[in-house]
Amino acid sequence: MKSRAGLCCCAIVSAVLFAQSPARTPDVPFVPTSQDLVVEMLKLANVNKDDVVYDLGCGDGRIVVTAAKQYGAHAVGVDINPERIKEATENARRADVSDKVKFVEGDLFTAEIRPATVVTLYLLPNVNLKLRPRLLAELKPGTRVVSHSFDMDDWKPDKEIDVNGSRLYLWVIPKKAADK
């Protein structure tokens, strides 16, 4: 039979080890979207100063920063990697848009996204598919979703364009069946 002190010690060691390891690894590797594609993604979504743009898996924050700087939108970037969040925050400071943007270290599958009027993605097909039910359930009808390179299987885009060999997809969240 283990002693109470032994169980307590094991619990403390487990808690320390858990606290030092990340909750989980990123779902996709960090591959930045080129600046010309960032601009085309935001154009495709018809971003304007009244929008709230969310970039899920924001990396270095370039989509968020561009939405604020070029379009006057408020924007939020979500990334699970704390190094990317630091880099994105510094990029926003250098671009002088810190008052219009926010970066959240978090999981794109659990982060609050309801305020978004535009959501941008550069993920992988399986991640897009896993995220799709959440987008449809939580985003308001009319919210625009733009993905770089990867579609959402049988959810056909409202618009699809080619930019220098890269595919961009746009979906508009439909009116919910219960609202019809």
C-alpha atoms as a PDB file:
ATOM      1  CA  MET A   1       0.000   0.000   0.000  1.00  0.00           C
ATOM      2  CA  LYS A   2       1.412   3.383  -0.990  1.00  0.00           C
ATOM      3  CA  SER A   3       1.809   6.063   1.601  1.00  0.00           C
ATOM      4  CA  ARG A   4      -0.185   9.253   1.445  1.00  0.00           C
ATOM      5  CA  ALA A   5       3.084  11.223   1.140  1.00  0.00           C
ATOM      6  CA  GLY A   6       4.145   9.052  -1.815  1.00  0.00           C
ATOM      7  CA  LEU A   7       0.847   9.679  -3.630  1.00  0.00           C
ATOM      8  CA  CYS A   8       1.100  13.395  -2.941  1.00  0.00           C
ATOM      9  CA  CYS A   9       4.665  13.494  -4.295  1.00  0.00           C
ATOM     10  CA  CYS A  10       3.594  11.664  -7.475  1.00  0.00           C
ATOM     11  CA  ALA A  11       0.715  14.098  -7.964  1.00  0.00           C
ATOM     12  CA  ILE A  12       3.040  17.096  -7.613  1.00  0.00           C
ATOM     13  CA  VAL A  13       5.603  15.662 -10.055  1.00  0.00           C
ATOM     14  CA  SER A  14       2.819  14.869 -12.553  1.00  0.00           C
ATOM     15  CA  ALA A  15       1.404  18.384 -12.230  1.00  0.00           C
ATOM     16  CA  VAL A  16       4.828  19.970 -12.800  1.00  0.00           C
ATOM     17  CA  LEU A  17       5.544  17.795 -15.840  1.00  0.00           C
ATOM     18  CA  PHE A  18       2.096  18.510 -17.294  1.00  0.00           C
ATOM     19  CA  ALA A  19       2.492  22.255 -16.727  1.00  0.00           C
ATOM     20  CA  GLN A  20       5.828  22.255 -18.571  1.00  0.00           C
ATOM     21  CA  SER A  21       4.592  20.414 -21.642  1.00  0.00           C
ATOM     22  CA  PRO A  22       2.314  22.163 -24.150  1.00  0.00           C
ATOM     23  CA  ALA A  23      -1.373  21.237 -24.169  1.00  0.00           C
ATOM     24  CA  ARG A  24      -0.869  19.824 -27.655  1.00  0.00           C
ATOM     25  CA  THR A  25       1.168  20.389 -30.753  1.00  0.00           C
ATOM     26  CA  PRO A  26       0.067  22.633 -33.631  1.00  0.00           C
ATOM     27  CA  ASP A  27      -2.274  21.079 -36.203  1.00  0.00           C
ATOM     28  CA  VAL A  28      -0.292  22.481 -39.132  1.00  0.00           C
ATOM     29  CA  PRO A  29       3.292  23.593 -39.701  1.00  0.00           C
ATOM     30  CA  PHE A  30       3.892  27.318 -39.912  1.00  0.00           C
ATOM     31  CA  VAL A  31       4.075  28.251 -43.591  1.00  0.00           C
ATOM     32  CA  PRO A  32       3.454  31.970 -44.109  1.00  0.00           C
ATOM     33  CA  THR A  33       1.034  33.151 -46.766  1.00  0.00           C
ATOM     34  CA  SER A  34       2.745  35.482 -49.231  1.00  0.00           C
ATOM     35  CA  GLN A  35       1.751  39.133 -48.878  1.00  0.00           C
ATOM     36  CA  ASP A  36       0.164  39.224 -52.346  1.00  0.00           C
ATOM     37  CA  LEU A  37      -2.091  36.291 -51.362  1.00  0.00           C
ATOM     38  CA  VAL A  38      -2.938  37.969 -48.038  1.00  0.00           C
ATOM     39  CA  VAL A  39      -4.192  40.999 -49.954  1.00  0.00           C
ATOM     40  CA  GLU A  40      -6.149  38.801 -52.393  1.00  0.00           C
ATOM     41  CA  MET A  41      -7.734  36.829 -49.521  1.00  0.00           C
ATOM     42  CA  LEU A  42      -8.915  40.040 -47.866  1.00  0.00           C
ATOM     43  CA  LYS A  43     -10.176  41.404 -51.207  1.00  0.00           C
ATOM     44  CA  LEU A  44     -12.047  38.146 -51.883  1.00  0.00           C
ATOM     45  CA  ALA A  45     -13.768  38.517 -48.489  1.00  0.00           C
ATOM     46  CA  ASN A  46     -14.537  42.156 -49.294  1.00  0.00           C
ATOM     47  CA  VAL A  47     -13.041  43.266 -45.956  1.00  0.00           C
ATOM     48  CA  ASN A  48     -13.831  46.802 -44.816  1.00  0.00           C
ATOM     49  CA  LYS A  49     -13.515  48.980 -41.699  1.00  0.00           C
ATOM     50  CA  ASP A  50     -16.705  47.534 -40.190  1.00  0.00           C
ATOM     51  CA  ASP A  51     -15.385  43.965 -40.212  1.00  0.00           C
ATOM     52  CA  VAL A  52     -13.946  41.859 -37.431  1.00  0.00           C
ATOM     53  CA  VAL A  53     -11.443  39.522 -39.073  1.00  0.00           C
ATOM     54  CA  TYR A  54     -10.344  36.334 -37.305  1.00  0.00           C
ATOM     55  CA  ASP A  55      -7.311  34.451 -38.582  1.00  0.00           C
ATOM     56  CA  LEU A  56      -7.273  30.915 -37.205  1.00  0.00           C
ATOM     57  CA  GLY A  57      -3.703  29.677 -37.098  1.00  0.00           C
ATOM     58  CA  CYS A  58      -2.438  33.242 -37.504  1.00  0.00           C
ATOM     59  CA  GLY A  59       1.285  32.486 -37.474  1.00  0.00           C
ATOM     60  CA  ASP A  60       3.231  35.748 -37.669  1.00  0.00           C
ATOM     61  CA  GLY A  61       0.022  37.800 -37.847  1.00  0.00           C
ATOM     62  CA  ARG A  62       0.397  39.135 -41.372  1.00  0.00           C
ATOM     63  CA  ILE A  63      -3.288  38.666 -42.307  1.00  0.00           C
ATOM     64  CA  VAL A  64      -4.448  40.331 -39.080  1.00  0.00           C
ATOM     65  CA  VAL A  65      -1.983  43.214 -39.472  1.00  0.00           C
ATOM     66  CA  THR A  66      -2.903  43.745 -43.128  1.00  0.00           C
ATOM     67  CA  ALA A  67      -6.654  43.702 -42.384  1.00  0.00           C
ATOM     68  CA  ALA A  68      -6.123  46.455 -39.810  1.00  0.00           C
ATOM     69  CA  LYS A  69      -3.563  48.530 -41.707  1.00  0.00           C
ATOM     70  CA  GLN A  70      -4.995  48.430 -45.247  1.00  0.00           C
ATOM     71  CA  TYR A  71      -8.711  48.043 -44.542  1.00  0.00           C
ATOM     72  CA  GLY A  72      -9.172  49.593 -41.091  1.00  0.00           C
ATOM     73  CA  ALA A  73     -10.780  46.389 -39.785  1.00  0.00           C
ATOM     74  CA  HIS A  74     -10.466  45.127 -36.252  1.00  0.00           C
ATOM     75  CA  ALA A  75      -8.792  41.735 -36.257  1.00  0.00           C
ATOM     76  CA  VAL A  76      -7.958  38.812 -33.998  1.00  0.00           C
ATOM     77  CA  GLY A  77      -5.298  36.187 -34.564  1.00  0.00           C
ATOM     78  CA  VAL A  78      -5.396  32.806 -32.841  1.00  0.00           C
ATOM     79  CA  ASP A  79      -2.382  30.500 -32.710  1.00  0.00           C
ATOM     80  CA  ILE A  80      -1.393  27.664 -30.399  1.00  0.00           C
ATOM     81  CA  ASN A  81       2.321  28.503 -30.639  1.00  0.00           C
ATOM     82  CA  PRO A  82       3.457  31.147 -28.112  1.00  0.00           C
ATOM     83  CA  GLU A  83       6.462  32.069 -30.278  1.00  0.00           C
ATOM     84  CA  ARG A  84       4.160  32.912 -33.191  1.00  0.00           C
ATOM     85  CA  ILE A  85       1.981  35.036 -30.881  1.00  0.00           C
ATOM     86  CA  LYS A  86       5.037  36.998 -29.707  1.00  0.00           C
ATOM     87  CA  GLU A  87       6.143  37.518 -33.299  1.00  0.00           C
ATOM     88  CA  ALA A  88       2.648  38.570 -34.405  1.00  0.00           C
ATOM     89  CA  THR A  89       2.330  41.022 -31.514  1.00  0.00           C
ATOM     90  CA  GLU A  90       5.672  42.585 -32.433  1.00  0.00           C
ATOM     91  CA  ASN A  91       4.648  42.790 -36.113  1.00  0.00           C
ATOM     92  CA  ALA A  92       1.443  44.610 -35.114  1.00  0.00           C
ATOM     93  CA  ARG A  93       3.442  47.028 -32.937  1.00  0.00           C
ATOM     94  CA  ARG A  94       5.856  47.761 -35.810  1.00  0.00           C
ATOM     95  CA  ALA A  95       2.922  48.324 -38.191  1.00  0.00           C
ATOM     96  CA  ASP A  96       1.308  50.664 -35.624  1.00  0.00           C
ATOM     97  CA  VAL A  97      -1.983  48.726 -35.508  1.00  0.00           C
ATOM     98  CA  SER A  98      -1.855  47.377 -31.949  1.00  0.00           C
ATOM     99  CA  ASP A  99      -5.007  49.339 -31.132  1.00  0.00           C
ATOM    100  CA  LYS A 100      -6.964  47.437 -33.806  1.00  0.00           C
ATOM    101  CA  VAL A 101      -5.650  43.911 -33.314  1.00  0.00           C
ATOM    102  CA  LYS A 102      -5.448  41.232 -30.670  1.00  0.00           C
ATOM    103  CA  PHE A 103      -3.514  37.988 -30.646  1.00  0.00           C
ATOM    104  CA  VAL A 104      -4.663  35.027 -28.589  1.00  0.00           C
ATOM    105  CA  GLU A 105      -2.538  32.031 -27.725  1.00  0.00           C
ATOM    106  CA  GLY A 106      -5.102  29.296 -28.042  1.00  0.00           C
ATOM    107  CA  ASP A 107      -6.571  26.330 -29.824  1.00  0.00           C
ATOM    108  CA  LEU A 108      -8.450  27.166 -33.017  1.00  0.00           C
ATOM    109  CA  PHE A 109     -10.969  24.433 -32.168  1.00  0.00           C
ATOM    110  CA  THR A 110     -11.979  26.053 -28.864  1.00  0.00           C
ATOM    111  CA  ALA A 111     -11.210  29.777 -29.280  1.00  0.00           C
ATOM    112  CA  GLU A 112     -14.139  32.177 -29.260  1.00  0.00           C
ATOM    113  CA  ILE A 113     -14.985  33.020 -32.892  1.00  0.00           C
ATOM    114  CA  ARG A 114     -18.592  34.269 -32.709  1.00  0.00           C
ATOM    115  CA  PRO A 115     -17.728  37.977 -33.127  1.00  0.00           C
ATOM    116  CA  ALA A 116     -16.074  37.350 -36.519  1.00  0.00           C
ATOM    117  CA  THR A 117     -17.538  38.755 -39.711  1.00  0.00           C
ATOM    118  CA  VAL A 118     -14.615  37.297 -41.702  1.00  0.00           C
ATOM    119  CA  VAL A 119     -12.551  34.179 -40.916  1.00  0.00           C
ATOM    120  CA  THR A 120      -9.323  33.407 -42.747  1.00  0.00           C
ATOM    121  CA  LEU A 121      -7.653  29.997 -42.901  1.00  0.00           C
ATOM    122  CA  TYR A 122      -4.447  28.494 -44.219  1.00  0.00           C
ATOM    123  CA  LEU A 123      -4.688  25.090 -42.626  1.00  0.00           C
ATOM    124  CA  LEU A 124      -4.802  21.561 -44.069  1.00  0.00           C
ATOM    125  CA  PRO A 125      -7.784  19.736 -45.610  1.00  0.00           C
ATOM    126  CA  ASN A 126      -8.401  17.521 -42.563  1.00  0.00           C
ATOM    127  CA  VAL A 127      -8.207  20.544 -40.242  1.00  0.00           C
ATOM    128  CA  ASN A 128     -10.635  22.529 -42.413  1.00  0.00           C
ATOM    129  CA  LEU A 129     -13.067  19.598 -42.320  1.00  0.00           C
ATOM    130  CA  LYS A 130     -12.774  19.263 -38.556  1.00  0.00           C
ATOM    131  CA  LEU A 131     -13.345  23.014 -38.171  1.00  0.00           C
ATOM    132  CA  ARG A 132     -16.251  23.219 -40.648  1.00  0.00           C
ATOM    133  CA  PRO A 133     -19.074  22.170 -38.256  1.00  0.00           C
ATOM    134  CA  ARG A 134     -17.936  24.814 -35.790  1.00  0.00           C
ATOM    135  CA  LEU A 135     -17.866  27.532 -38.434  1.00  0.00           C
ATOM    136  CA  LEU A 136     -21.392  26.647 -39.578  1.00  0.00           C
ATOM    137  CA  ALA A 137     -22.760  26.389 -36.035  1.00  0.00           C
ATOM    138  CA  GLU A 138     -21.122  29.399 -34.397  1.00  0.00           C
ATOM    139  CA  LEU A 139     -20.701  32.072 -37.053  1.00  0.00           C
ATOM    140  CA  LYS A 140     -23.502  34.445 -37.939  1.00  0.00           C
ATOM    141  CA  PRO A 141     -25.161  34.089 -41.343  1.00  0.00           C
ATOM    142  CA  GLY A 142     -23.351  36.284 -43.848  1.00  0.00           C
ATOM    143  CA  THR A 143     -19.933  35.770 -42.234  1.00  0.00           C
ATOM    144  CA  ARG A 144     -17.310  35.210 -44.920  1.00  0.00           C
ATOM    145  CA  VAL A 145     -14.762  32.388 -44.662  1.00  0.00           C
ATOM    146  CA  VAL A 146     -11.676  32.461 -46.899  1.00  0.00           C
ATOM    147  CA  SER A 147      -9.230  29.588 -47.207  1.00  0.00           C
ATOM    148  CA  HIS A 148      -5.861  29.575 -48.902  1.00  0.00           C
ATOM    149  CA  SER A 149      -5.189  26.385 -50.904  1.00  0.00           C
ATOM    150  CA  PHE A 150      -7.649  23.993 -49.251  1.00  0.00           C
ATOM    151  CA  ASP A 151     -11.387  23.557 -49.728  1.00  0.00           C
ATOM    152  CA  MET A 152     -13.977  21.950 -47.446  1.00  0.00           C
ATOM    153  CA  ASP A 153     -14.859  18.835 -49.400  1.00  0.00           C
ATOM    154  CA  ASP A 154     -18.593  18.783 -50.228  1.00  0.00           C
ATOM    155  CA  TRP A 155     -19.251  22.311 -48.903  1.00  0.00           C
ATOM    156  CA  LYS A 156     -18.899  24.037 -52.230  1.00  0.00           C
ATOM    157  CA  PRO A 157     -17.399  27.542 -52.135  1.00  0.00           C
ATOM    158  CA  ASP A 158     -19.442  30.562 -53.157  1.00  0.00           C
ATOM    159  CA  LYS A 159     -16.405  31.726 -55.083  1.00  0.00           C
ATOM    160  CA  GLU A 160     -13.054  30.215 -56.016  1.00  0.00           C
ATOM    161  CA  ILE A 161     -10.171  32.058 -57.652  1.00  0.00           C
ATOM    162  CA  ASP A 162      -6.656  31.313 -58.833  1.00  0.00           C
ATOM    163  CA  VAL A 163      -3.896  33.758 -57.868  1.00  0.00           C
ATOM    164  CA  ASN A 164      -0.534  32.968 -59.442  1.00  0.00           C
ATOM    165  CA  GLY A 165      -1.172  29.216 -59.163  1.00  0.00           C
ATOM    166  CA  SER A 166      -2.663  29.304 -55.642  1.00  0.00           C
ATOM    167  CA  ARG A 167      -6.349  28.591 -55.010  1.00  0.00           C
ATOM    168  CA  LEU A 168      -8.412  30.820 -52.749  1.00  0.00           C
ATOM    169  CA  TYR A 169     -11.893  29.765 -51.627  1.00  0.00           C
ATOM    170  CA  LEU A 170     -14.723  31.893 -50.265  1.00  0.00           C
ATOM    171  CA  TRP A 171     -17.777  30.626 -48.417  1.00  0.00           C
ATOM    172  CA  VAL A 172     -20.575  32.712 -46.949  1.00  0.00           C
ATOM    173  CA  ILE A 173     -22.216  31.257 -43.850  1.00  0.00           C
ATOM    174  CA  PRO A 174     -25.802  30.517 -44.885  1.00  0.00           C
ATOM    175  CA  LYS A 175     -28.931  31.408 -43.011  1.00  0.00           C
ATOM    176  CA  LYS A 176     -29.575  28.657 -40.504  1.00  0.00           C
ATOM    177  CA  ALA A 177     -32.333  26.177 -41.398  1.00  0.00           C
ATOM    178  CA  ALA A 178     -34.156  26.971 -38.134  1.00  0.00           C
ATOM    179  CA  ASP A 179     -34.253  30.668 -39.089  1.00  0.00           C
ATOM    180  CA  LYS A 180     -35.913  30.039 -42.461  1.00  0.00           C
END
